[in-house]
Structure formats: C-alpha cells, structure tokens
C-alpha atoms as a PDB file:
ATOM      1  CA  UNK A   1    -116.132 -41.307-112.449  1.00  0.00           C
ATOM      2  CA  UNK A   2    -116.706 -37.839-110.959  1.00  0.00           C
ATOM      3  CA  UNK A   3    -113.260 -38.149-109.355  1.00  0.00           C
ATOM      4  CA  UNK A   4    -111.748 -39.103-112.742  1.00  0.00           C
ATOM      5  CA  UNK A   5    -113.119 -36.013-114.546  1.00  0.00           C
ATOM      6  CA  UNK A   6    -112.182 -33.816-111.633  1.00  0.00           C
ATOM      7  CA  UNK A   7    -108.552 -35.005-111.561  1.00  0.00           C
ATOM      8  CA  UNK A   8    -108.400 -34.654-115.353  1.00  0.00           C
ATOM      9  CA  UNK A   9    -109.505 -31.021-115.352  1.00  0.00           C
ATOM     10  CA  UNK A  10    -107.554 -30.052-112.269  1.00  0.00           C
ATOM     11  CA  UNK A  11    -104.175 -31.647-112.836  1.00  0.00           C
ATOM     12  CA  UNK A  12    -103.845 -32.512-116.499  1.00  0.00           C
ATOM     13  CA  UNK A  13    -106.080 -30.543-118.867  1.00  0.00           C
ATOM     14  CA  UNK A  14    -104.272 -28.007-120.928  1.00  0.00           C
ATOM     15  CA  UNK A  15    -106.082 -26.831-124.122  1.00  0.00           C
ATOM     16  CA  UNK A  16    -102.800 -25.515-125.574  1.00  0.00           C
ATOM     17  CA  UNK A  17    -101.192 -28.906-125.858  1.00  0.00           C
ATOM     18  CA  UNK A  18    -100.999 -30.880-129.096  1.00  0.00           C
ATOM     19  CA  UNK A  19    -103.081 -33.965-129.898  1.00  0.00           C
ATOM     20  CA  UNK A  20    -100.499 -36.426-128.588  1.00  0.00           C
ATOM     21  CA  UNK A  21     -99.904 -34.629-125.347  1.00  0.00           C
ATOM     22  CA  UNK A  22    -103.627 -34.212-124.759  1.00  0.00           C
ATOM     23  CA  UNK A  23    -104.250 -37.911-125.154  1.00  0.00           C
ATOM     24  CA  UNK A  24    -101.303 -38.834-122.932  1.00  0.00           C
ATOM     25  CA  UNK A  25    -102.741 -36.583-120.286  1.00  0.00           C
ATOM     26  CA  UNK A  26    -106.084 -38.286-120.555  1.00  0.00           C
ATOM     27  CA  UNK A  27    -104.367 -41.625-119.938  1.00  0.00           C
ATOM     28  CA  UNK A  28    -102.493 -40.047-116.973  1.00  0.00           C
ATOM     29  CA  UNK A  29    -105.802 -38.818-115.540  1.00  0.00           C
ATOM     30  CA  UNK A  30    -107.223 -42.319-115.832  1.00  0.00           C
ATOM     31  CA  UNK A  31    -104.090 -43.670-114.095  1.00  0.00           C
ATOM     32  CA  UNK A  32    -104.622 -41.240-111.252  1.00  0.00           C
ATOM     33  CA  UNK A  33    -108.273 -42.143-110.850  1.00  0.00           C
ATOM     34  CA  UNK A  34    -107.637 -45.918-110.861  1.00  0.00           C
ATOM     35  CA  UNK A  35    -104.649 -45.761-108.477  1.00  0.00           C
ATOM     36  CA  UNK A  36    -105.861 -43.074-106.131  1.00  0.00           C
ATOM     37  CA  UNK A  37    -109.698 -42.729-106.188  1.00  0.00           C
ATOM     38  CA  UNK A  38    -111.059 -46.064-107.517  1.00  0.00           C
ATOM     39  CA  UNK A  39    -114.446 -46.922-105.916  1.00  0.00           C
ATOM     40  CA  UNK A  40    -114.306 -43.671-103.922  1.00  0.00           C
ATOM     41  CA  UNK A  41    -114.248 -43.393-100.176  1.00  0.00           C
ATOM     42  CA  UNK A  42    -111.645 -42.066 -97.778  1.00  0.00           C
ATOM     43  CA  UNK A  43    -107.951 -42.252 -98.656  1.00  0.00           C
ATOM     44  CA  UNK A  44    -106.701 -44.444 -95.890  1.00  0.00           C
ATOM     45  CA  UNK A  45    -103.310 -45.647 -97.136  1.00  0.00           C
ATOM     46  CA  UNK A  46    -100.332 -44.198 -98.919  1.00  0.00           C
ATOM     47  CA  UNK A  47     -99.443 -45.522-102.321  1.00  0.00           C
ATOM     48  CA  UNK A  48     -95.873 -45.937-101.125  1.00  0.00           C
ATOM     49  CA  UNK A  49     -97.099 -48.458 -98.484  1.00  0.00           C
ATOM     50  CA  UNK A  50     -98.664 -50.619-101.211  1.00  0.00           C
ATOM     51  CA  UNK A  51     -95.482 -50.406-103.390  1.00  0.00           C
ATOM     52  CA  UNK A  52     -93.165 -51.120-100.399  1.00  0.00           C
ATOM     53  CA  UNK A  53     -95.215 -54.142 -99.365  1.00  0.00           C
ATOM     54  CA  UNK A  54     -94.952 -55.718-102.830  1.00  0.00           C
ATOM     55  CA  UNK A  55     -91.343 -55.026-103.349  1.00  0.00           C
ATOM     56  CA  UNK A  56     -90.263 -55.820 -99.788  1.00  0.00           C
ATOM     57  CA  UNK A  57     -92.078 -59.206 -99.715  1.00  0.00           C
ATOM     58  CA  UNK A  58     -90.957 -60.362-103.131  1.00  0.00           C
ATOM     59  CA  UNK A  59     -88.057 -62.438-101.842  1.00  0.00           C
ATOM     60  CA  UNK A  60     -90.388 -64.367 -99.531  1.00  0.00           C
ATOM     61  CA  UNK A  61     -92.904 -64.797-102.383  1.00  0.00           C
ATOM     62  CA  UNK A  62     -90.256 -66.277-104.669  1.00  0.00           C
ATOM     63  CA  UNK A  63     -89.000 -68.626-101.934  1.00  0.00           C
ATOM     64  CA  UNK A  64     -92.647 -69.697-101.412  1.00  0.00           C
ATOM     65  CA  UNK A  65     -92.922 -70.483-105.137  1.00  0.00           C
ATOM     66  CA  UNK A  66     -89.732 -72.521-104.915  1.00  0.00           C
ATOM     67  CA  UNK A  67     -91.201 -74.507-101.989  1.00  0.00           C
ATOM     68  CA  UNK A  68     -94.589 -75.024-103.700  1.00  0.00           C
ATOM     69  CA  UNK A  69     -93.037 -76.386-106.875  1.00  0.00           C
ATOM     70  CA  UNK A  70     -90.027 -78.048-105.206  1.00  0.00           C
ATOM     71  CA  UNK A  71     -87.705 -76.104-107.433  1.00  0.00           C
ATOM     72  CA  UNK A  72     -84.339 -75.345-105.816  1.00  0.00           C
ATOM     73  CA  UNK A  73     -82.233 -75.051-108.903  1.00  0.00           C
ATOM     74  CA  UNK A  74     -79.432 -72.578-109.288  1.00  0.00           C
ATOM     75  CA  UNK A  75     -81.554 -70.644-111.732  1.00  0.00           C
ATOM     76  CA  UNK A  76     -84.403 -70.327-109.218  1.00  0.00           C
ATOM     77  CA  UNK A  77     -82.021 -69.204-106.446  1.00  0.00           C
ATOM     78  CA  UNK A  78     -80.372 -66.661-108.724  1.00  0.00           C
ATOM     79  CA  UNK A  79     -83.763 -65.187-109.564  1.00  0.00           C
ATOM     80  CA  UNK A  80     -84.702 -65.047-105.847  1.00  0.00           C
ATOM     81  CA  UNK A  81     -81.453 -63.258-105.139  1.00  0.00           C
ATOM     82  CA  UNK A  82     -81.921 -60.724-107.942  1.00  0.00           C
ATOM     83  CA  UNK A  83     -85.586 -59.849-107.421  1.00  0.00           C
ATOM     84  CA  UNK A  84     -85.368 -60.119-103.641  1.00  0.00           C
ATOM     85  CA  UNK A  85     -82.281 -57.875-103.293  1.00  0.00           C
ATOM     86  CA  UNK A  86     -83.929 -55.297-105.582  1.00  0.00           C
ATOM     87  CA  UNK A  87     -86.877 -55.172-103.166  1.00  0.00           C
ATOM     88  CA  UNK A  88     -84.534 -54.541-100.275  1.00  0.00           C
ATOM     89  CA  UNK A  89     -82.712 -51.826-102.239  1.00  0.00           C
ATOM     90  CA  UNK A  90     -86.051 -50.223-102.955  1.00  0.00           C
ATOM     91  CA  UNK A  91     -86.893 -50.110 -99.214  1.00  0.00           C
ATOM     92  CA  UNK A  92     -83.461 -48.625 -98.482  1.00  0.00           C
ATOM     93  CA  UNK A  93     -84.080 -45.971-101.119  1.00  0.00           C
ATOM     94  CA  UNK A  94     -87.550 -45.204 -99.796  1.00  0.00           C
ATOM     95  CA  UNK A  95     -86.406 -44.596 -96.255  1.00  0.00           C
ATOM     96  CA  UNK A  96     -83.399 -42.453 -97.211  1.00  0.00           C
ATOM     97  CA  UNK A  97     -84.510 -40.604-100.339  1.00  0.00           C
ATOM     98  CA  UNK A  98     -88.213 -41.290-101.027  1.00  0.00           C
ATOM     99  CA  UNK A  99     -90.072 -40.343-104.218  1.00  0.00           C
ATOM    100  CA  UNK A 100     -92.737 -37.848-103.257  1.00  0.00           C
ATOM    101  CA  UNK A 101     -95.028 -39.123-106.008  1.00  0.00           C
ATOM    102  CA  UNK A 102     -95.710 -42.288-104.002  1.00  0.00           C
ATOM    103  CA  UNK A 103     -96.510 -40.448-100.798  1.00  0.00           C
ATOM    104  CA  UNK A 104    -100.015 -39.638-101.948  1.00  0.00           C
ATOM    105  CA  UNK A 105    -102.894 -41.204 -99.909  1.00  0.00           C
ATOM    106  CA  UNK A 106    -105.156 -43.494-101.871  1.00  0.00           C
ATOM    107  CA  UNK A 107    -108.510 -45.289-101.418  1.00  0.00           C
ATOM    108  CA  UNK A 108    -108.718 -48.978-100.587  1.00  0.00           C
ATOM    109  CA  UNK A 109    -109.920 -49.612-104.147  1.00  0.00           C
ATOM    110  CA  UNK A 110    -107.053 -47.625-105.594  1.00  0.00           C
ATOM    111  CA  UNK A 111    -104.540 -49.621-103.560  1.00  0.00           C
ATOM    112  CA  UNK A 112    -106.053 -52.962-104.637  1.00  0.00           C
ATOM    113  CA  UNK A 113    -106.183 -51.922-108.292  1.00  0.00           C
ATOM    114  CA  UNK A 114    -102.563 -50.714-108.203  1.00  0.00           C
ATOM    115  CA  UNK A 115    -101.565 -54.147-107.003  1.00  0.00           C
ATOM    116  CA  UNK A 116    -103.766 -56.037-109.481  1.00  0.00           C
ATOM    117  CA  UNK A 117    -102.887 -54.079-112.605  1.00  0.00           C
ATOM    118  CA  UNK A 118     -99.186 -53.375-112.021  1.00  0.00           C
ATOM    119  CA  UNK A 119     -97.408 -54.552-108.861  1.00  0.00           C
ATOM    120  CA  UNK A 120     -98.983 -58.007-108.716  1.00  0.00           C
ATOM    121  CA  UNK A 121     -98.246 -58.691-112.375  1.00  0.00           C
ATOM    122  CA  UNK A 122     -94.569 -58.570-111.562  1.00  0.00           C
ATOM    123  CA  UNK A 123     -95.073 -61.634-109.338  1.00  0.00           C
ATOM    124  CA  UNK A 124     -96.207 -63.574-112.423  1.00  0.00           C
ATOM    125  CA  UNK A 125     -92.651 -63.422-113.806  1.00  0.00           C
ATOM    126  CA  UNK A 126     -91.027 -65.675-111.140  1.00  0.00           C
ATOM    127  CA  UNK A 127     -94.068 -67.953-111.366  1.00  0.00           C
ATOM    128  CA  UNK A 128     -93.418 -68.391-115.150  1.00  0.00           C
ATOM    129  CA  UNK A 129     -89.812 -69.251-114.401  1.00  0.00           C
ATOM    130  CA  UNK A 130     -90.225 -71.516-111.326  1.00  0.00           C
ATOM    131  CA  UNK A 131     -93.431 -73.381-112.072  1.00  0.00           C
ATOM    132  CA  UNK A 132     -93.247 -76.388-114.485  1.00  0.00           C
ATOM    133  CA  UNK A 133     -96.119 -74.979-116.524  1.00  0.00           C
ATOM    134  CA  UNK A 134     -94.099 -72.975-119.015  1.00  0.00           C
ATOM    135  CA  UNK A 135     -90.658 -74.519-119.220  1.00  0.00           C
ATOM    136  CA  UNK A 136     -91.089 -77.943-117.699  1.00  0.00           C
ATOM    137  CA  UNK A 137     -89.802 -78.972-114.294  1.00  0.00           C
ATOM    138  CA  UNK A 138     -86.748 -77.286-112.819  1.00  0.00           C
ATOM    139  CA  UNK A 139     -85.466 -75.372-115.825  1.00  0.00           C
ATOM    140  CA  UNK A 140     -81.759 -74.475-115.661  1.00  0.00           C
ATOM    141  CA  UNK A 141     -80.206 -71.709-117.717  1.00  0.00           C
ATOM    142  CA  UNK A 142     -76.541 -71.951-118.708  1.00  0.00           C
ATOM    143  CA  UNK A 143     -74.031 -70.016-116.601  1.00  0.00           C
ATOM    144  CA  UNK A 144     -73.234 -67.468-119.327  1.00  0.00           C
ATOM    145  CA  UNK A 145     -76.964 -66.634-119.544  1.00  0.00           C
ATOM    146  CA  UNK A 146     -77.249 -66.198-115.793  1.00  0.00           C
ATOM    147  CA  UNK A 147     -74.120 -63.982-115.905  1.00  0.00           C
ATOM    148  CA  UNK A 148     -75.854 -61.809-118.549  1.00  0.00           C
ATOM    149  CA  UNK A 149     -78.987 -61.376-116.444  1.00  0.00           C
ATOM    150  CA  UNK A 150     -76.943 -60.585-113.334  1.00  0.00           C
ATOM    151  CA  UNK A 151     -74.876 -58.021-115.113  1.00  0.00           C
ATOM    152  CA  UNK A 152     -77.953 -56.267-116.612  1.00  0.00           C
ATOM    153  CA  UNK A 153     -79.666 -56.335-113.217  1.00  0.00           C
ATOM    154  CA  UNK A 154     -76.646 -54.981-111.298  1.00  0.00           C
ATOM    155  CA  UNK A 155     -76.116 -52.110-113.706  1.00  0.00           C
ATOM    156  CA  UNK A 156     -79.862 -51.298-113.571  1.00  0.00           C
ATOM    157  CA  UNK A 157     -79.934 -51.149-109.783  1.00  0.00           C
ATOM    158  CA  UNK A 158     -76.860 -48.947-109.691  1.00  0.00           C
ATOM    159  CA  UNK A 159     -78.269 -46.511-112.253  1.00  0.00           C
ATOM    160  CA  UNK A 160     -81.708 -46.408-110.583  1.00  0.00           C
ATOM    161  CA  UNK A 161     -80.448 -45.946-107.060  1.00  0.00           C
ATOM    162  CA  UNK A 162     -77.749 -43.344-107.917  1.00  0.00           C
ATOM    163  CA  UNK A 163     -79.948 -41.282-110.228  1.00  0.00           C
ATOM    164  CA  UNK A 164     -82.843 -41.240-107.733  1.00  0.00           C
ATOM    165  CA  UNK A 165     -80.438 -40.151-104.995  1.00  0.00           C
ATOM    166  CA  UNK A 166     -78.982 -37.435-107.203  1.00  0.00           C
ATOM    167  CA  UNK A 167     -82.458 -36.182-108.104  1.00  0.00           C
ATOM    168  CA  UNK A 168     -83.649 -36.176-104.507  1.00  0.00           C
ATOM    169  CA  UNK A 169     -80.683 -34.379-103.017  1.00  0.00           C
ATOM    170  CA  UNK A 170     -80.299 -31.904-105.871  1.00  0.00           C
ATOM    171  CA  UNK A 171     -83.956 -30.803-105.837  1.00  0.00           C
ATOM    172  CA  UNK A 172     -83.848 -30.642-102.021  1.00  0.00           C
ATOM    173  CA  UNK A 173     -81.475 -27.663-102.217  1.00  0.00           C
ATOM    174  CA  UNK A 174     -82.272 -26.137-105.597  1.00  0.00           C
ATOM    175  CA  UNK A 175     -84.996 -26.227-108.268  1.00  0.00           C
ATOM    176  CA  UNK A 176     -84.673 -26.337-112.022  1.00  0.00           C
ATOM    177  CA  UNK A 177     -83.308 -28.799-114.570  1.00  0.00           C
ATOM    178  CA  UNK A 178     -80.786 -31.420-113.470  1.00  0.00           C
ATOM    179  CA  UNK A 179     -78.273 -31.548-116.383  1.00  0.00           C
ATOM    180  CA  UNK A 180     -75.256 -33.211-114.892  1.00  0.00           C
ATOM    181  CA  UNK A 181     -74.193 -36.551-113.497  1.00  0.00           C
ATOM    182  CA  UNK A 182     -76.603 -39.377-114.421  1.00  0.00           C
ATOM    183  CA  UNK A 183     -78.894 -36.845-116.108  1.00  0.00           C
ATOM    184  CA  UNK A 184     -76.202 -35.453-118.397  1.00  0.00           C
ATOM    185  CA  UNK A 185     -77.027 -37.575-121.429  1.00  0.00           C
ATOM    186  CA  UNK A 186     -80.417 -38.977-120.603  1.00  0.00           C
ATOM    187  CA  UNK A 187     -83.451 -37.264-119.064  1.00  0.00           C
ATOM    188  CA  UNK A 188     -84.727 -40.454-117.460  1.00  0.00           C
ATOM    189  CA  UNK A 189     -81.895 -42.539-116.048  1.00  0.00           C
ATOM    190  CA  UNK A 190     -84.132 -43.782-113.272  1.00  0.00           C
ATOM    191  CA  UNK A 191     -86.682 -45.239-115.658  1.00  0.00           C
ATOM    192  CA  UNK A 192     -83.798 -46.680-117.767  1.00  0.00           C
ATOM    193  CA  UNK A 193     -82.425 -48.421-114.626  1.00  0.00           C
ATOM    194  CA  UNK A 194     -85.900 -49.761-113.743  1.00  0.00           C
ATOM    195  CA  UNK A 195     -86.313 -51.168-117.225  1.00  0.00           C
ATOM    196  CA  UNK A 196     -82.912 -52.834-117.089  1.00  0.00           C
ATOM    197  CA  UNK A 197     -83.850 -54.406-113.737  1.00  0.00           C
ATOM    198  CA  UNK A 198     -87.189 -55.823-114.872  1.00  0.00           C
ATOM    199  CA  UNK A 199     -85.747 -56.612-118.246  1.00  0.00           C
ATOM    200  CA  UNK A 200     -83.343 -58.989-116.522  1.00  0.00           C
ATOM    201  CA  UNK A 201     -86.318 -60.700-114.843  1.00  0.00           C
ATOM    202  CA  UNK A 202     -87.994 -61.038-118.240  1.00  0.00           C
ATOM    203  CA  UNK A 203     -84.805 -62.599-119.663  1.00  0.00           C
ATOM    204  CA  UNK A 204     -84.760 -65.029-116.738  1.00  0.00           C
ATOM    205  CA  UNK A 205     -88.351 -66.036-117.405  1.00  0.00           C
ATOM    206  CA  UNK A 206     -87.869 -66.201-121.194  1.00  0.00           C
ATOM    207  CA  UNK A 207     -91.523 -66.391-122.144  1.00  0.00           C
ATOM    208  CA  UNK A 208     -93.851 -64.213-124.171  1.00  0.00           C
ATOM    209  CA  UNK A 209     -96.137 -63.663-121.222  1.00  0.00           C
ATOM    210  CA  UNK A 210     -93.307 -62.020-119.257  1.00  0.00           C
ATOM    211  CA  UNK A 211     -92.657 -59.801-122.269  1.00  0.00           C
ATOM    212  CA  UNK A 212     -96.321 -58.916-122.416  1.00  0.00           C
ATOM    213  CA  UNK A 213     -96.296 -57.883-118.753  1.00  0.00           C
ATOM    214  CA  UNK A 214     -93.284 -55.658-119.216  1.00  0.00           C
ATOM    215  CA  UNK A 215     -94.781 -54.101-122.342  1.00  0.00           C
ATOM    216  CA  UNK A 216     -98.024 -53.408-120.473  1.00  0.00           C
ATOM    217  CA  UNK A 217     -96.171 -51.569-117.716  1.00  0.00           C
ATOM    218  CA  UNK A 218     -93.556 -49.845-119.854  1.00  0.00           C
ATOM    219  CA  UNK A 219     -95.935 -48.574-122.545  1.00  0.00           C
ATOM    220  CA  UNK A 220     -98.987 -47.995-120.341  1.00  0.00           C
ATOM    221  CA  UNK A 221     -97.264 -46.416-117.356  1.00  0.00           C
ATOM    222  CA  UNK A 222     -93.567 -45.627-117.909  1.00  0.00           C
ATOM    223  CA  UNK A 223     -94.001 -44.047-121.361  1.00  0.00           C
ATOM    224  CA  UNK A 224     -96.907 -41.869-120.129  1.00  0.00           C
ATOM    225  CA  UNK A 225     -94.888 -40.655-117.180  1.00  0.00           C
ATOM    226  CA  UNK A 226     -91.848 -39.958-119.345  1.00  0.00           C
ATOM    227  CA  UNK A 227     -93.861 -37.900-121.848  1.00  0.00           C
ATOM    228  CA  UNK A 228     -95.545 -35.900-119.076  1.00  0.00           C
ATOM    229  CA  UNK A 229     -92.160 -35.288-117.449  1.00  0.00           C
ATOM    230  CA  UNK A 230     -90.856 -33.851-120.656  1.00  0.00           C
ATOM    231  CA  UNK A 231     -93.892 -31.570-120.810  1.00  0.00           C
ATOM    232  CA  UNK A 232     -93.075 -30.340-117.276  1.00  0.00           C
ATOM    233  CA  UNK A 233     -89.332 -29.890-118.035  1.00  0.00           C
ATOM    234  CA  UNK A 234     -90.070 -27.901-121.140  1.00  0.00           C
ATOM    235  CA  UNK A 235     -91.290 -25.020-118.957  1.00  0.00           C
ATOM    236  CA  UNK A 236     -87.963 -24.690-117.241  1.00  0.00           C
ATOM    237  CA  UNK A 237     -84.981 -22.496-118.185  1.00  0.00           C
ATOM    238  CA  UNK A 238     -82.406 -24.145-120.344  1.00  0.00           C
ATOM    239  CA  UNK A 239     -84.835 -26.781-121.733  1.00  0.00           C
ATOM    240  CA  UNK A 240     -84.033 -26.409-125.451  1.00  0.00           C
ATOM    241  CA  UNK A 241     -80.310 -26.827-124.867  1.00  0.00           C
ATOM    242  CA  UNK A 242     -80.835 -29.745-122.485  1.00  0.00           C
ATOM    243  CA  UNK A 243     -83.248 -31.515-124.926  1.00  0.00           C
ATOM    244  CA  UNK A 244     -80.693 -31.331-127.730  1.00  0.00           C
ATOM    245  CA  UNK A 245     -77.859 -32.785-125.683  1.00  0.00           C
ATOM    246  CA  UNK A 246     -79.788 -35.586-123.950  1.00  0.00           C
ATOM    247  CA  UNK A 247     -81.925 -38.559-124.911  1.00  0.00           C
ATOM    248  CA  UNK A 248     -85.434 -39.076-123.596  1.00  0.00           C
ATOM    249  CA  UNK A 249     -84.495 -42.526-122.327  1.00  0.00           C
ATOM    250  CA  UNK A 250     -81.306 -43.953-123.838  1.00  0.00           C
ATOM    251  CA  UNK A 251     -78.198 -41.873-123.279  1.00  0.00           C
ATOM    252  CA  UNK A 252     -77.203 -39.630-126.173  1.00  0.00           C
ATOM    253  CA  UNK A 253     -73.624 -40.931-126.642  1.00  0.00           C
ATOM    254  CA  UNK A 254     -72.759 -38.701-129.631  1.00  0.00           C
ATOM    255  CA  UNK A 255     -73.483 -34.999-129.539  1.00  0.00           C
ATOM    256  CA  UNK A 256     -72.696 -32.266-132.056  1.00  0.00           C
END
C-alpha cells in the first residue's frame, strides 16, 4: 500500500482539480498500483510482454476451446479468425509502433493481476460462445449476424491500427495536439476502435456475462484513461477549439 500512496501523490494528485477528476485520479492510482507494484518486489517484466502474450496466444486458446468442446462450427471458426487475427495485428502494431505506456516494468504480482482482472477476462468470451454451458451444444449464428460482427470488427481494427500509427509517428516528430486525420472529429479513435473490436466479440457471445466483462473494462479502465487523457490535453495549446470540434469518443459529425 505504500507504493499505492506514493504513486498517487507523485503521478496523479492535483489539489486544483474538481471532485470528479480527483476521484478518477484516485482510481488511476489504484490501477497503477495493482498493475505495476502489486505485492511489491522487483519489477522483472514489462507490462507489454504480458499483454502481447495474451493477445498473441488467443488464436491457440480459441482453437483449444474448440477441441475441448468438439465445436467446429462455422460460428466458432469465425470467432477464432476474428479474435486470433486481432492478436496478430496487435503484435504487428507493437513491433512497428509500440505504445510507450505498456513499456513500463512491473512486478510479478502486477503482471498476474493484470491478467486476472483484465486480459484473462477476455478469454471468457470465446468460452461463453464455444462451450455448451450458455447456448447449448454447437450454437450457429445466421450468416447475416456473422456478417455484422465481421464488419464491426474489421472497421474497429482499421480505426485502431491507423489511429495508433498516426499518433505514434506524429508525436515522434512533433509534440502538441493531434487535430487532423483520425483525430479530427474524435479525441480517442484508438479507444473507439478497441471498443468496436471487443464489442464484436460480445455480439458473437451474445450473453449478459460477456456484456458484464466489457462493461468492467470499458468503465473501469477505458473511461478512466479517457478522462485523464482529456485532463492532459487541456494543458496544450489549442485545446478549447479542439474540444469544441471533436467528441470525447464518438466522432462529432455535425459542427457549427
């Protein structure tokens, strides 16, 4: 807990912020402690290694589920292709334009907790779909429904990959707000893309437990990061104009 209070004071505490921002920062400090310093000890592994392991091995995990439950339906194969290909796209993204936030070293406890509380929960979604526990044996969704999920997923991957690439290469050569391209009408196209991707998995699973998992991550992690990002952007030149012309998540299609 000493590490938690230390990270809170050092990285997040700002007495000039309003009540909402202060409480969001407290949650962010807790996130940092749980994912980076949990149980203490030396930081032996990068958080990116934990993330890459989960995402990169997802295709094999889904295939294993299909083998365990003898479920080789078109629906199961489509899910394996979607979630598995996203993992490969993530690895490509990491090795060509990595996110510096994930390069932080963490303790063994932090790595395990990151997997248990976030990354590992994503593996419950294909289990919900492929196992006979929730939908009966070998559920098959109609072609139009699969097409909907594939479309949502494809658009999400394109938005996530392209916006992360734009952000990486823009900030590599100049600092400040990014107000063009994918960031022209939304301040968080990368989070929007991620939510479209995992939203497609939730639609494939079509169960309240999958929705609960997504709500846990989106509200407990994504929303906190988005609010803190806005706090950071507000200190940069041109913020007021950019805030008026862009949405915090969904693109602002109509502007005055």
